[in-house]
Amino acid sequence: MLMSLSAVLIVFAQPAAIAPECASESADVGYEALAQGQNERAQREIEANPDLDKNDPSRLINLGIAYARQGDEAKAREMFEAALQSSDRAWLETANGEWVDSRHLARKATRMLDRGEFSSTNVAMR
């Protein structure tokens, strides 16, 4: 299923401002907390959001990043793999305005995990 998730922003560099038309309170996928390096808070917010389907690729990828940044590589890998294998697909907007398939981002996140790139706070998402 291809779905539009305008409230999602994956940033693999510096956090970027989100255009107001892209923001949605009900689709909070932990962007603010991740952008501030508050990974545990991001994890709690994402898991507590009743508006996010458990198989939502943005939820899975963001949870994966939160887990990875907390040092839980096994859970992070599980989330990235679930996003990659999900029957749901989404086009996610990157910081530079590019729309990227969620499976591509899940593969990229897995490679970053393999290289240990989540040990710093250079990843945030919305």
PDB file of N, CA and C in Angstrom:
ATOM      1  N   MET A   1       0.843  -1.171   0.000  1.00  0.00           N
ATOM      2  CA  MET A   1       0.000   0.000   0.000  1.00  0.00           C
ATOM      3  C   MET A   1       0.879   1.220   0.000  1.00  0.00           C
ATOM      4  N   LEU A   2       0.687   2.100  -0.944  1.00  0.00           N
ATOM      5  CA  LEU A   2       1.455   3.322  -1.028  1.00  0.00           C
ATOM      6  C   LEU A   2       0.665   4.420  -0.353  1.00  0.00           C
ATOM      7  N   MET A   3       1.263   5.061   0.646  1.00  0.00           N
ATOM      8  CA  MET A   3       0.535   6.106   1.337  1.00  0.00           C
ATOM      9  C   MET A   3       1.380   7.347   1.453  1.00  0.00           C
ATOM     10  N   SER A   4       0.723   8.472   1.518  1.00  0.00           N
ATOM     11  CA  SER A   4       1.412   9.744   1.654  1.00  0.00           C
ATOM     12  C   SER A   4       1.513  10.082   3.128  1.00  0.00           C
ATOM     13  N   LEU A   5       2.700  10.356   3.603  1.00  0.00           N
ATOM     14  CA  LEU A   5       2.896  10.724   4.992  1.00  0.00           C
ATOM     15  C   LEU A   5       3.570  12.085   5.033  1.00  0.00           C
ATOM     16  N   SER A   6       2.779  13.121   4.847  1.00  0.00           N
ATOM     17  CA  SER A   6       3.356  14.458   4.792  1.00  0.00           C
ATOM     18  C   SER A   6       3.918  14.898   6.129  1.00  0.00           C
ATOM     19  N   ALA A   7       3.552  14.225   7.203  1.00  0.00           N
ATOM     20  CA  ALA A   7       4.048  14.618   8.519  1.00  0.00           C
ATOM     21  C   ALA A   7       5.385  13.982   8.845  1.00  0.00           C
ATOM     22  N   VAL A   8       5.940  13.230   7.938  1.00  0.00           N
ATOM     23  CA  VAL A   8       7.180  12.513   8.206  1.00  0.00           C
ATOM     24  C   VAL A   8       8.353  13.221   7.555  1.00  0.00           C
ATOM     25  N   LEU A   9       9.396  13.391   8.298  1.00  0.00           N
ATOM     26  CA  LEU A   9      10.629  13.928   7.742  1.00  0.00           C
ATOM     27  C   LEU A   9      11.773  13.123   8.302  1.00  0.00           C
ATOM     28  N   ILE A  10      12.545  12.551   7.437  1.00  0.00           N
ATOM     29  CA  ILE A  10      13.724  11.821   7.844  1.00  0.00           C
ATOM     30  C   ILE A  10      14.919  12.704   7.526  1.00  0.00           C
ATOM     31  N   VAL A  11      15.759  12.951   8.475  1.00  0.00           N
ATOM     32  CA  VAL A  11      16.909  13.821   8.276  1.00  0.00           C
ATOM     33  C   VAL A  11      18.168  13.033   8.592  1.00  0.00           C
ATOM     34  N   PHE A  12      19.019  12.866   7.619  1.00  0.00           N
ATOM     35  CA  PHE A  12      20.280  12.168   7.849  1.00  0.00           C
ATOM     36  C   PHE A  12      21.428  13.165   7.875  1.00  0.00           C
ATOM     37  N   ALA A  13      21.211  14.282   8.486  1.00  0.00           N
ATOM     38  CA  ALA A  13      22.212  15.328   8.645  1.00  0.00           C
ATOM     39  C   ALA A  13      21.729  16.215   9.774  1.00  0.00           C
ATOM     40  N   GLN A  14      21.740  17.519   9.555  1.00  0.00           N
ATOM     41  CA  GLN A  14      21.261  18.469  10.555  1.00  0.00           C
ATOM     42  C   GLN A  14      19.739  18.529  10.522  1.00  0.00           C
ATOM     43  N   PRO A  15      19.085  18.677  11.683  1.00  0.00           N
ATOM     44  CA  PRO A  15      17.643  18.843  11.684  1.00  0.00           C
ATOM     45  C   PRO A  15      17.254  20.066  10.855  1.00  0.00           C
ATOM     46  N   ALA A  16      16.157  19.962  10.140  1.00  0.00           N
ATOM     47  CA  ALA A  16      15.696  21.052   9.286  1.00  0.00           C
ATOM     48  C   ALA A  16      14.325  21.501   9.726  1.00  0.00           C
ATOM     49  N   ALA A  17      14.009  22.745   9.429  1.00  0.00           N
ATOM     50  CA  ALA A  17      12.687  23.273   9.737  1.00  0.00           C
ATOM     51  C   ALA A  17      11.655  22.591   8.853  1.00  0.00           C
ATOM     52  N   ILE A  18      10.489  22.379   9.400  1.00  0.00           N
ATOM     53  CA  ILE A  18       9.405  21.752   8.668  1.00  0.00           C
ATOM     54  C   ILE A  18       8.419  22.827   8.261  1.00  0.00           C
ATOM     55  N   ALA A  19       8.015  22.790   7.017  1.00  0.00           N
ATOM     56  CA  ALA A  19       6.999  23.735   6.560  1.00  0.00           C
ATOM     57  C   ALA A  19       5.711  23.475   7.327  1.00  0.00           C
ATOM     58  N   PRO A  20       4.987  24.523   7.725  1.00  0.00           N
ATOM     59  CA  PRO A  20       3.770  24.334   8.514  1.00  0.00           C
ATOM     60  C   PRO A  20       2.780  23.372   7.869  1.00  0.00           C
ATOM     61  N   GLU A  21       2.672  23.387   6.555  1.00  0.00           N
ATOM     62  CA  GLU A  21       1.718  22.488   5.909  1.00  0.00           C
ATOM     63  C   GLU A  21       2.128  21.025   6.028  1.00  0.00           C
ATOM     64  N   CYS A  22       3.363  20.767   6.441  1.00  0.00           N
ATOM     65  CA  CYS A  22       3.828  19.383   6.598  1.00  0.00           C
ATOM     66  C   CYS A  22       3.655  18.878   8.017  1.00  0.00           C
ATOM     67  N   ALA A  23       3.367  19.765   8.948  1.00  0.00           N
ATOM     68  CA  ALA A  23       3.272  19.362  10.348  1.00  0.00           C
ATOM     69  C   ALA A  23       1.877  18.858  10.668  1.00  0.00           C
ATOM     70  N   SER A  24       1.805  17.874  11.536  1.00  0.00           N
ATOM     71  CA  SER A  24       0.531  17.319  11.968  1.00  0.00           C
ATOM     72  C   SER A  24       0.692  16.798  13.380  1.00  0.00           C
ATOM     73  N   GLU A  25      -0.124  17.323  14.278  1.00  0.00           N
ATOM     74  CA  GLU A  25      -0.027  16.898  15.673  1.00  0.00           C
ATOM     75  C   GLU A  25      -0.369  15.416  15.829  1.00  0.00           C
ATOM     76  N   SER A  26      -1.341  14.924  15.047  1.00  0.00           N
ATOM     77  CA  SER A  26      -1.791  13.557  15.227  1.00  0.00           C
ATOM     78  C   SER A  26      -0.819  12.532  14.660  1.00  0.00           C
ATOM     79  N   ALA A  27       0.115  12.956  13.851  1.00  0.00           N
ATOM     80  CA  ALA A  27       1.053  12.012  13.245  1.00  0.00           C
ATOM     81  C   ALA A  27       2.453  12.194  13.820  1.00  0.00           C
ATOM     82  N   ASP A  28       2.526  12.484  15.106  1.00  0.00           N
ATOM     83  CA  ASP A  28       3.824  12.679  15.750  1.00  0.00           C
ATOM     84  C   ASP A  28       4.619  11.389  15.735  1.00  0.00           C
ATOM     85  N   VAL A  29       5.739  11.438  15.044  1.00  0.00           N
ATOM     86  CA  VAL A  29       6.616  10.267  15.000  1.00  0.00           C
ATOM     87  C   VAL A  29       7.944  10.571  15.694  1.00  0.00           C
ATOM     88  N   GLY A  30       7.884  11.429  16.699  1.00  0.00           N
ATOM     89  CA  GLY A  30       9.037  11.688  17.541  1.00  0.00           C
ATOM     90  C   GLY A  30      10.086  12.624  16.983  1.00  0.00           C
ATOM     91  N   TYR A  31       9.753  13.405  15.972  1.00  0.00           N
ATOM     92  CA  TYR A  31      10.760  14.253  15.333  1.00  0.00           C
ATOM     93  C   TYR A  31      11.418  15.216  16.309  1.00  0.00           C
ATOM     94  N   GLU A  32      10.620  15.977  17.030  1.00  0.00           N
ATOM     95  CA  GLU A  32      11.195  16.996  17.926  1.00  0.00           C
ATOM     96  C   GLU A  32      12.145  16.369  18.945  1.00  0.00           C
ATOM     97  N   ALA A  33      11.716  15.297  19.555  1.00  0.00           N
ATOM     98  CA  ALA A  33      12.558  14.636  20.554  1.00  0.00           C
ATOM     99  C   ALA A  33      13.836  14.099  19.924  1.00  0.00           C
ATOM    100  N   LEU A  34      13.735  13.460  18.756  1.00  0.00           N
ATOM    101  CA  LEU A  34      14.932  12.948  18.088  1.00  0.00           C
ATOM    102  C   LEU A  34      15.856  14.085  17.667  1.00  0.00           C
ATOM    103  N   ALA A  35      15.291  15.171  17.180  1.00  0.00           N
ATOM    104  CA  ALA A  35      16.095  16.310  16.751  1.00  0.00           C
ATOM    105  C   ALA A  35      16.855  16.918  17.929  1.00  0.00           C
ATOM    106  N   GLN A  36      16.279  16.783  19.122  1.00  0.00           N
ATOM    107  CA  GLN A  36      16.922  17.312  20.329  1.00  0.00           C
ATOM    108  C   GLN A  36      17.799  16.276  21.019  1.00  0.00           C
ATOM    109  N   GLY A  37      17.922  15.105  20.423  1.00  0.00           N
ATOM    110  CA  GLY A  37      18.749  14.056  21.014  1.00  0.00           C
ATOM    111  C   GLY A  37      18.104  13.379  22.201  1.00  0.00           C
ATOM    112  N   GLN A  38      16.795  13.543  22.365  1.00  0.00           N
ATOM    113  CA  GLN A  38      16.063  12.937  23.481  1.00  0.00           C
ATOM    114  C   GLN A  38      15.425  11.634  23.005  1.00  0.00           C
ATOM    115  N   ASN A  39      16.254  10.631  22.876  1.00  0.00           N
ATOM    116  CA  ASN A  39      15.848   9.378  22.258  1.00  0.00           C
ATOM    117  C   ASN A  39      14.841   8.587  23.071  1.00  0.00           C
ATOM    118  N   GLU A  40      14.998   8.554  24.375  1.00  0.00           N
ATOM    119  CA  GLU A  40      14.034   7.846  25.216  1.00  0.00           C
ATOM    120  C   GLU A  40      12.674   8.514  25.132  1.00  0.00           C
ATOM    121  N   ARG A  41      12.658   9.842  25.146  1.00  0.00           N
ATOM    122  CA  ARG A  41      11.394  10.574  25.011  1.00  0.00           C
ATOM    123  C   ARG A  41      10.757  10.283  23.659  1.00  0.00           C
ATOM    124  N   ALA A  42      11.559  10.281  22.603  1.00  0.00           N
ATOM    125  CA  ALA A  42      11.041   9.980  21.261  1.00  0.00           C
ATOM    126  C   ALA A  42      10.418   8.594  21.251  1.00  0.00           C
ATOM    127  N   GLN A  43      11.101   7.632  21.821  1.00  0.00           N
ATOM    128  CA  GLN A  43      10.589   6.266  21.872  1.00  0.00           C
ATOM    129  C   GLN A  43       9.240   6.236  22.581  1.00  0.00           C
ATOM    130  N   ARG A  44       9.147   6.886  23.744  1.00  0.00           N
ATOM    131  CA  ARG A  44       7.887   6.902  24.499  1.00  0.00           C
ATOM    132  C   ARG A  44       6.772   7.565  23.695  1.00  0.00           C
ATOM    133  N   GLU A  45       7.079   8.704  23.053  1.00  0.00           N
ATOM    134  CA  GLU A  45       6.061   9.427  22.286  1.00  0.00           C
ATOM    135  C   GLU A  45       5.553   8.591  21.113  1.00  0.00           C
ATOM    136  N   ILE A  46       6.456   7.958  20.408  1.00  0.00           N
ATOM    137  CA  ILE A  46       6.074   7.156  19.250  1.00  0.00           C
ATOM    138  C   ILE A  46       5.218   5.968  19.694  1.00  0.00           C
ATOM    139  N   GLU A  47       5.668   5.275  20.719  1.00  0.00           N
ATOM    140  CA  GLU A  47       4.950   4.085  21.179  1.00  0.00           C
ATOM    141  C   GLU A  47       3.590   4.430  21.777  1.00  0.00           C
ATOM    142  N   ALA A  48       3.455   5.629  22.329  1.00  0.00           N
ATOM    143  CA  ALA A  48       2.198   6.031  22.965  1.00  0.00           C
ATOM    144  C   ALA A  48       1.203   6.667  21.997  1.00  0.00           C
ATOM    145  N   ASN A  49       1.624   6.952  20.774  1.00  0.00           N
ATOM    146  CA  ASN A  49       0.740   7.630  19.828  1.00  0.00           C
ATOM    147  C   ASN A  49      -0.283   6.642  19.262  1.00  0.00           C
ATOM    148  N   PRO A  50      -1.567   6.805  19.633  1.00  0.00           N
ATOM    149  CA  PRO A  50      -2.597   5.877  19.158  1.00  0.00           C
ATOM    150  C   PRO A  50      -2.945   6.075  17.681  1.00  0.00           C
ATOM    151  N   ASP A  51      -2.511   7.176  17.091  1.00  0.00           N
ATOM    152  CA  ASP A  51      -2.812   7.468  15.689  1.00  0.00           C
ATOM    153  C   ASP A  51      -1.844   6.790  14.724  1.00  0.00           C
ATOM    154  N   LEU A  52      -0.779   6.208  15.248  1.00  0.00           N
ATOM    155  CA  LEU A  52       0.196   5.537  14.392  1.00  0.00           C
ATOM    156  C   LEU A  52      -0.059   4.042  14.360  1.00  0.00           C
ATOM    157  N   ASP A  53      -0.238   3.508  13.188  1.00  0.00           N
ATOM    158  CA  ASP A  53      -0.372   2.070  13.018  1.00  0.00           C
ATOM    159  C   ASP A  53       0.957   1.404  13.387  1.00  0.00           C
ATOM    160  N   LYS A  54       0.892   0.257  13.968  1.00  0.00           N
ATOM    161  CA  LYS A  54       2.112  -0.468  14.384  1.00  0.00           C
ATOM    162  C   LYS A  54       3.034  -0.779  13.209  1.00  0.00           C
ATOM    163  N   ASN A  55       2.485  -0.864  12.003  1.00  0.00           N
ATOM    164  CA  ASN A  55       3.282  -1.170  10.816  1.00  0.00           C
ATOM    165  C   ASN A  55       3.606   0.053   9.978  1.00  0.00           C
ATOM    166  N   ASP A  56       3.324   1.233  10.490  1.00  0.00           N
ATOM    167  CA  ASP A  56       3.614   2.472   9.770  1.00  0.00           C
ATOM    168  C   ASP A  56       5.126   2.577   9.581  1.00  0.00           C
ATOM    169  N   PRO A  57       5.595   2.674   8.337  1.00  0.00           N
ATOM    170  CA  PRO A  57       7.044   2.728   8.094  1.00  0.00           C
ATOM    171  C   PRO A  57       7.743   3.874   8.832  1.00  0.00           C
ATOM    172  N   SER A  58       7.098   5.034   8.918  1.00  0.00           N
ATOM    173  CA  SER A  58       7.747   6.142   9.628  1.00  0.00           C
ATOM    174  C   SER A  58       7.900   5.836  11.108  1.00  0.00           C
ATOM    175  N   ARG A  59       6.895   5.172  11.693  1.00  0.00           N
ATOM    176  CA  ARG A  59       6.968   4.769  13.093  1.00  0.00           C
ATOM    177  C   ARG A  59       8.115   3.782  13.288  1.00  0.00           C
ATOM    178  N   LEU A  60       8.177   2.786  12.425  1.00  0.00           N
ATOM    179  CA  LEU A  60       9.203   1.756  12.547  1.00  0.00           C
ATOM    180  C   LEU A  60      10.612   2.325  12.382  1.00  0.00           C
ATOM    181  N   ILE A  61      10.796   3.178  11.389  1.00  0.00           N
ATOM    182  CA  ILE A  61      12.126   3.749  11.146  1.00  0.00           C
ATOM    183  C   ILE A  61      12.529   4.662  12.298  1.00  0.00           C
ATOM    184  N   ASN A  62      11.598   5.506  12.762  1.00  0.00           N
ATOM    185  CA  ASN A  62      11.930   6.414  13.858  1.00  0.00           C
ATOM    186  C   ASN A  62      12.210   5.652  15.152  1.00  0.00           C
ATOM    187  N   LEU A  63      11.418   4.620  15.426  1.00  0.00           N
ATOM    188  CA  LEU A  63      11.704   3.801  16.604  1.00  0.00           C
ATOM    189  C   LEU A  63      13.072   3.143  16.465  1.00  0.00           C
ATOM    190  N   GLY A  64      13.375   2.682  15.273  1.00  0.00           N
ATOM    191  CA  GLY A  64      14.681   2.076  15.041  1.00  0.00           C
ATOM    192  C   GLY A  64      15.818   3.030  15.338  1.00  0.00           C
ATOM    193  N   ILE A  65      15.656   4.258  14.912  1.00  0.00           N
ATOM    194  CA  ILE A  65      16.695   5.255  15.177  1.00  0.00           C
ATOM    195  C   ILE A  65      16.793   5.540  16.670  1.00  0.00           C
ATOM    196  N   ALA A  66      15.655   5.672  17.342  1.00  0.00           N
ATOM    197  CA  ALA A  66      15.684   5.909  18.788  1.00  0.00           C
ATOM    198  C   ALA A  66      16.388   4.760  19.503  1.00  0.00           C
ATOM    199  N   TYR A  67      16.050   3.532  19.136  1.00  0.00           N
ATOM    200  CA  TYR A  67      16.712   2.369  19.743  1.00  0.00           C
ATOM    201  C   TYR A  67      18.213   2.366  19.434  1.00  0.00           C
ATOM    202  N   ALA A  68      18.556   2.611  18.182  1.00  0.00           N
ATOM    203  CA  ALA A  68      19.973   2.588  17.790  1.00  0.00           C
ATOM    204  C   ALA A  68      20.764   3.618  18.573  1.00  0.00           C
ATOM    205  N   ARG A  69      20.211   4.793  18.734  1.00  0.00           N
ATOM    206  CA  ARG A  69      20.921   5.855  19.447  1.00  0.00           C
ATOM    207  C   ARG A  69      21.035   5.564  20.936  1.00  0.00           C
ATOM    208  N   GLN A  70      20.189   4.667  21.444  1.00  0.00           N
ATOM    209  CA  GLN A  70      20.274   4.257  22.841  1.00  0.00           C
ATOM    210  C   GLN A  70      21.155   3.029  23.007  1.00  0.00           C
ATOM    211  N   GLY A  71      21.701   2.537  21.882  1.00  0.00           N
ATOM    212  CA  GLY A  71      22.613   1.409  21.940  1.00  0.00           C
ATOM    213  C   GLY A  71      21.954   0.046  21.804  1.00  0.00           C
ATOM    214  N   ASP A  72      20.647   0.005  21.538  1.00  0.00           N
ATOM    215  CA  ASP A  72      19.953  -1.267  21.383  1.00  0.00           C
ATOM    216  C   ASP A  72      19.883  -1.626  19.901  1.00  0.00           C
ATOM    217  N   GLU A  73      20.998  -2.137  19.394  1.00  0.00           N
ATOM    218  CA  GLU A  73      21.101  -2.443  17.969  1.00  0.00           C
ATOM    219  C   GLU A  73      20.153  -3.550  17.535  1.00  0.00           C
ATOM    220  N   ALA A  74      19.879  -4.508  18.395  1.00  0.00           N
ATOM    221  CA  ALA A  74      18.978  -5.613  18.032  1.00  0.00           C
ATOM    222  C   ALA A  74      17.567  -5.097  17.774  1.00  0.00           C
ATOM    223  N   LYS A  75      17.057  -4.260  18.667  1.00  0.00           N
ATOM    224  CA  LYS A  75      15.718  -3.695  18.462  1.00  0.00           C
ATOM    225  C   LYS A  75      15.701  -2.752  17.271  1.00  0.00           C
ATOM    226  N   ALA A  76      16.763  -1.987  17.094  1.00  0.00           N
ATOM    227  CA  ALA A  76      16.850  -1.073  15.955  1.00  0.00           C
ATOM    228  C   ALA A  76      16.779  -1.859  14.650  1.00  0.00           C
ATOM    229  N   ARG A  77      17.558  -2.906  14.571  1.00  0.00           N
ATOM    230  CA  ARG A  77      17.575  -3.744  13.366  1.00  0.00           C
ATOM    231  C   ARG A  77      16.192  -4.360  13.126  1.00  0.00           C
ATOM    232  N   GLU A  78      15.543  -4.785  14.190  1.00  0.00           N
ATOM    233  CA  GLU A  78      14.192  -5.349  14.077  1.00  0.00           C
ATOM    234  C   GLU A  78      13.220  -4.322  13.482  1.00  0.00           C
ATOM    235  N   MET A  79      13.309  -3.083  13.931  1.00  0.00           N
ATOM    236  CA  MET A  79      12.427  -2.034  13.414  1.00  0.00           C
ATOM    237  C   MET A  79      12.723  -1.733  11.945  1.00  0.00           C
ATOM    238  N   PHE A  80      13.997  -1.616  11.602  1.00  0.00           N
ATOM    239  CA  PHE A  80      14.361  -1.319  10.209  1.00  0.00           C
ATOM    240  C   PHE A  80      13.934  -2.453   9.287  1.00  0.00           C
ATOM    241  N   GLU A  81      14.119  -3.692   9.746  1.00  0.00           N
ATOM    242  CA  GLU A  81      13.719  -4.844   8.947  1.00  0.00           C
ATOM    243  C   GLU A  81      12.199  -4.874   8.775  1.00  0.00           C
ATOM    244  N   ALA A  82      11.474  -4.554   9.835  1.00  0.00           N
ATOM    245  CA  ALA A  82      10.013  -4.518   9.744  1.00  0.00           C
ATOM    246  C   ALA A  82       9.554  -3.450   8.755  1.00  0.00           C
ATOM    247  N   ALA A  83      10.209  -2.298   8.747  1.00  0.00           N
ATOM    248  CA  ALA A  83       9.868  -1.242   7.777  1.00  0.00           C
ATOM    249  C   ALA A  83      10.170  -1.708   6.365  1.00  0.00           C
ATOM    250  N   LEU A  84      11.263  -2.405   6.208  1.00  0.00           N
ATOM    251  CA  LEU A  84      11.652  -2.914   4.895  1.00  0.00           C
ATOM    252  C   LEU A  84      10.674  -3.980   4.399  1.00  0.00           C
ATOM    253  N   GLN A  85      10.214  -4.832   5.281  1.00  0.00           N
ATOM    254  CA  GLN A  85       9.323  -5.933   4.916  1.00  0.00           C
ATOM    255  C   GLN A  85       7.836  -5.565   4.958  1.00  0.00           C
ATOM    256  N   SER A  86       7.516  -4.400   5.486  1.00  0.00           N
ATOM    257  CA  SER A  86       6.118  -3.997   5.640  1.00  0.00           C
ATOM    258  C   SER A  86       5.393  -3.950   4.297  1.00  0.00           C
ATOM    259  N   SER A  87       4.142  -4.373   4.305  1.00  0.00           N
ATOM    260  CA  SER A  87       3.332  -4.256   3.090  1.00  0.00           C
ATOM    261  C   SER A  87       2.940  -2.799   2.862  1.00  0.00           C
ATOM    262  N   ASP A  88       3.039  -1.987   3.900  1.00  0.00           N
ATOM    263  CA  ASP A  88       2.801  -0.551   3.773  1.00  0.00           C
ATOM    264  C   ASP A  88       4.073   0.107   3.269  1.00  0.00           C
ATOM    265  N   ARG A  89       3.906   0.988   2.316  1.00  0.00           N
ATOM    266  CA  ARG A  89       5.035   1.778   1.815  1.00  0.00           C
ATOM    267  C   ARG A  89       4.647   3.235   1.939  1.00  0.00           C
ATOM    268  N   ALA A  90       5.641   4.064   2.108  1.00  0.00           N
ATOM    269  CA  ALA A  90       5.380   5.492   2.231  1.00  0.00           C
ATOM    270  C   ALA A  90       6.461   6.278   1.529  1.00  0.00           C
ATOM    271  N   TRP A  91       6.076   7.412   1.024  1.00  0.00           N
ATOM    272  CA  TRP A  91       7.050   8.358   0.500  1.00  0.00           C
ATOM    273  C   TRP A  91       7.295   9.348   1.608  1.00  0.00           C
ATOM    274  N   LEU A  92       8.544   9.462   2.029  1.00  0.00           N
ATOM    275  CA  LEU A  92       8.924  10.316   3.146  1.00  0.00           C
ATOM    276  C   LEU A  92       9.750  11.480   2.626  1.00  0.00           C
ATOM    277  N   GLU A  93       9.473  12.652   3.157  1.00  0.00           N
ATOM    278  CA  GLU A  93      10.188  13.842   2.708  1.00  0.00           C
ATOM    279  C   GLU A  93      11.472  14.031   3.505  1.00  0.00           C
ATOM    280  N   THR A  94      12.571  14.198   2.806  1.00  0.00           N
ATOM    281  CA  THR A  94      13.864  14.425   3.463  1.00  0.00           C
ATOM    282  C   THR A  94      14.056  15.919   3.715  1.00  0.00           C
ATOM    283  N   ALA A  95      15.080  16.243   4.458  1.00  0.00           N
ATOM    284  CA  ALA A  95      15.348  17.636   4.807  1.00  0.00           C
ATOM    285  C   ALA A  95      15.558  18.515   3.593  1.00  0.00           C
ATOM    286  N   ASN A  96      16.084  17.949   2.520  1.00  0.00           N
ATOM    287  CA  ASN A  96      16.321  18.761   1.321  1.00  0.00           C
ATOM    288  C   ASN A  96      15.112  18.786   0.394  1.00  0.00           C
ATOM    289  N   GLY A  97      13.964  18.289   0.884  1.00  0.00           N
ATOM    290  CA  GLY A  97      12.736  18.339   0.114  1.00  0.00           C
ATOM    291  C   GLY A  97      12.533  17.177  -0.834  1.00  0.00           C
ATOM    292  N   GLU A  98      13.442  16.230  -0.823  1.00  0.00           N
ATOM    293  CA  GLU A  98      13.333  15.067  -1.692  1.00  0.00           C
ATOM    294  C   GLU A  98      12.388  14.046  -1.064  1.00  0.00           C
ATOM    295  N   TRP A  99      11.535  13.449  -1.883  1.00  0.00           N
ATOM    296  CA  TRP A  99      10.648  12.391  -1.419  1.00  0.00           C
ATOM    297  C   TRP A  99      11.303  11.049  -1.714  1.00  0.00           C
ATOM    298  N   VAL A 100      11.424  10.214  -0.671  1.00  0.00           N
ATOM    299  CA  VAL A 100      12.149   8.961  -0.782  1.00  0.00           C
ATOM    300  C   VAL A 100      11.260   7.818  -0.275  1.00  0.00           C
ATOM    301  N   ASP A 101      11.305   6.697  -0.951  1.00  0.00           N
ATOM    302  CA  ASP A 101      10.552   5.521  -0.563  1.00  0.00           C
ATOM    303  C   ASP A 101      11.017   5.020   0.808  1.00  0.00           C
ATOM    304  N   SER A 102      10.076   4.639   1.643  1.00  0.00           N
ATOM    305  CA  SER A 102      10.399   4.178   2.996  1.00  0.00           C
ATOM    306  C   SER A 102      11.319   2.962   3.004  1.00  0.00           C
ATOM    307  N   ARG A 103      11.199   2.111   2.015  1.00  0.00           N
ATOM    308  CA  ARG A 103      12.080   0.930   1.976  1.00  0.00           C
ATOM    309  C   ARG A 103      13.522   1.337   1.698  1.00  0.00           C
ATOM    310  N   HIS A 104      13.700   2.329   0.867  1.00  0.00           N
ATOM    311  CA  HIS A 104      15.053   2.843   0.618  1.00  0.00           C
ATOM    312  C   HIS A 104      15.638   3.400   1.928  1.00  0.00           C
ATOM    313  N   LEU A 105      14.824   4.165   2.665  1.00  0.00           N
ATOM    314  CA  LEU A 105      15.302   4.727   3.928  1.00  0.00           C
ATOM    315  C   LEU A 105      15.580   3.635   4.955  1.00  0.00           C
ATOM    316  N   ALA A 106      14.774   2.583   4.972  1.00  0.00           N
ATOM    317  CA  ALA A 106      15.021   1.475   5.896  1.00  0.00           C
ATOM    318  C   ALA A 106      16.340   0.784   5.570  1.00  0.00           C
ATOM    319  N   ARG A 107      16.612   0.608   4.271  1.00  0.00           N
ATOM    320  CA  ARG A 107      17.901   0.006   3.867  1.00  0.00           C
ATOM    321  C   ARG A 107      19.057   0.919   4.271  1.00  0.00           C
ATOM    322  N   LYS A 108      18.883   2.222   4.057  1.00  0.00           N
ATOM    323  CA  LYS A 108      19.931   3.175   4.420  1.00  0.00           C
ATOM    324  C   LYS A 108      20.173   3.164   5.932  1.00  0.00           C
ATOM    325  N   ALA A 109      19.096   3.126   6.706  1.00  0.00           N
ATOM    326  CA  ALA A 109      19.233   3.096   8.164  1.00  0.00           C
ATOM    327  C   ALA A 109      19.947   1.826   8.616  1.00  0.00           C
ATOM    328  N   THR A 110      19.656   0.711   7.969  1.00  0.00           N
ATOM    329  CA  THR A 110      20.331  -0.550   8.301  1.00  0.00           C
ATOM    330  C   THR A 110      21.824  -0.457   8.015  1.00  0.00           C
ATOM    331  N   ARG A 111      22.167   0.125   6.870  1.00  0.00           N
ATOM    332  CA  ARG A 111      23.601   0.299   6.552  1.00  0.00           C
ATOM    333  C   ARG A 111      24.277   1.221   7.566  1.00  0.00           C
ATOM    334  N   MET A 112      23.574   2.283   7.967  1.00  0.00           N
ATOM    335  CA  MET A 112      24.128   3.190   8.971  1.00  0.00           C
ATOM    336  C   MET A 112      24.345   2.453  10.291  1.00  0.00           C
ATOM    337  N   LEU A 113      23.398   1.601  10.651  1.00  0.00           N
ATOM    338  CA  LEU A 113      23.527   0.808  11.872  1.00  0.00           C
ATOM    339  C   LEU A 113      24.743  -0.105  11.776  1.00  0.00           C
ATOM    340  N   ASP A 114      24.901  -0.736  10.623  1.00  0.00           N
ATOM    341  CA  ASP A 114      26.050  -1.624  10.410  1.00  0.00           C
ATOM    342  C   ASP A 114      27.378  -0.891  10.543  1.00  0.00           C
ATOM    343  N   ARG A 115      27.402   0.372  10.156  1.00  0.00           N
ATOM    344  CA  ARG A 115      28.633   1.173  10.220  1.00  0.00           C
ATOM    345  C   ARG A 115      28.793   1.910  11.549  1.00  0.00           C
ATOM    346  N   GLY A 116      27.835   1.757  12.447  1.00  0.00           N
ATOM    347  CA  GLY A 116      27.923   2.417  13.749  1.00  0.00           C
ATOM    348  C   GLY A 116      27.669   3.905  13.711  1.00  0.00           C
ATOM    349  N   GLU A 117      26.932   4.368  12.728  1.00  0.00           N
ATOM    350  CA  GLU A 117      26.722   5.802  12.554  1.00  0.00           C
ATOM    351  C   GLU A 117      25.654   6.389  13.466  1.00  0.00           C
ATOM    352  N   PHE A 118      24.981   5.580  14.245  1.00  0.00           N
ATOM    353  CA  PHE A 118      23.963   6.105  15.139  1.00  0.00           C
ATOM    354  C   PHE A 118      24.516   6.440  16.522  1.00  0.00           C
ATOM    355  N   SER A 119      25.791   6.258  16.702  1.00  0.00           N
ATOM    356  CA  SER A 119      26.378   6.556  18.004  1.00  0.00           C
ATOM    357  C   SER A 119      26.439   8.040  18.279  1.00  0.00           C
ATOM    358  N   SER A 120      26.296   8.853  17.238  1.00  0.00           N
ATOM    359  CA  SER A 120      26.235  10.296  17.427  1.00  0.00           C
ATOM    360  C   SER A 120      24.812  10.759  17.189  1.00  0.00           C
ATOM    361  N   THR A 121      24.549  12.025  17.402  1.00  0.00           N
ATOM    362  CA  THR A 121      23.203  12.563  17.231  1.00  0.00           C
ATOM    363  C   THR A 121      23.018  13.204  15.872  1.00  0.00           C
ATOM    364  N   ASN A 122      23.524  12.560  14.840  1.00  0.00           N
ATOM    365  CA  ASN A 122      23.424  13.151  13.508  1.00  0.00           C
ATOM    366  C   ASN A 122      22.191  12.687  12.749  1.00  0.00           C
ATOM    367  N   VAL A 123      21.238  12.064  13.440  1.00  0.00           N
ATOM    368  CA  VAL A 123      20.031  11.604  12.769  1.00  0.00           C
ATOM    369  C   VAL A 123      18.816  12.079  13.538  1.00  0.00           C
ATOM    370  N   ALA A 124      17.875  12.673  12.832  1.00  0.00           N
ATOM    371  CA  ALA A 124      16.612  13.078  13.431  1.00  0.00           C
ATOM    372  C   ALA A 124      15.525  12.894  12.391  1.00  0.00           C
ATOM    373  N   MET A 125      14.302  12.738  12.844  1.00  0.00           N
ATOM    374  CA  MET A 125      13.214  12.560  11.894  1.00  0.00           C
ATOM    375  C   MET A 125      11.917  13.154  12.366  1.00  0.00           C
ATOM    376  N   ARG A 126      11.033  13.344  11.414  1.00  0.00           N
ATOM    377  CA  ARG A 126       9.708  13.878  11.723  1.00  0.00           C
ATOM    378  C   ARG A 126       8.679  13.148  10.935  1.00  0.00           C
TER     379      ARG A 126
END
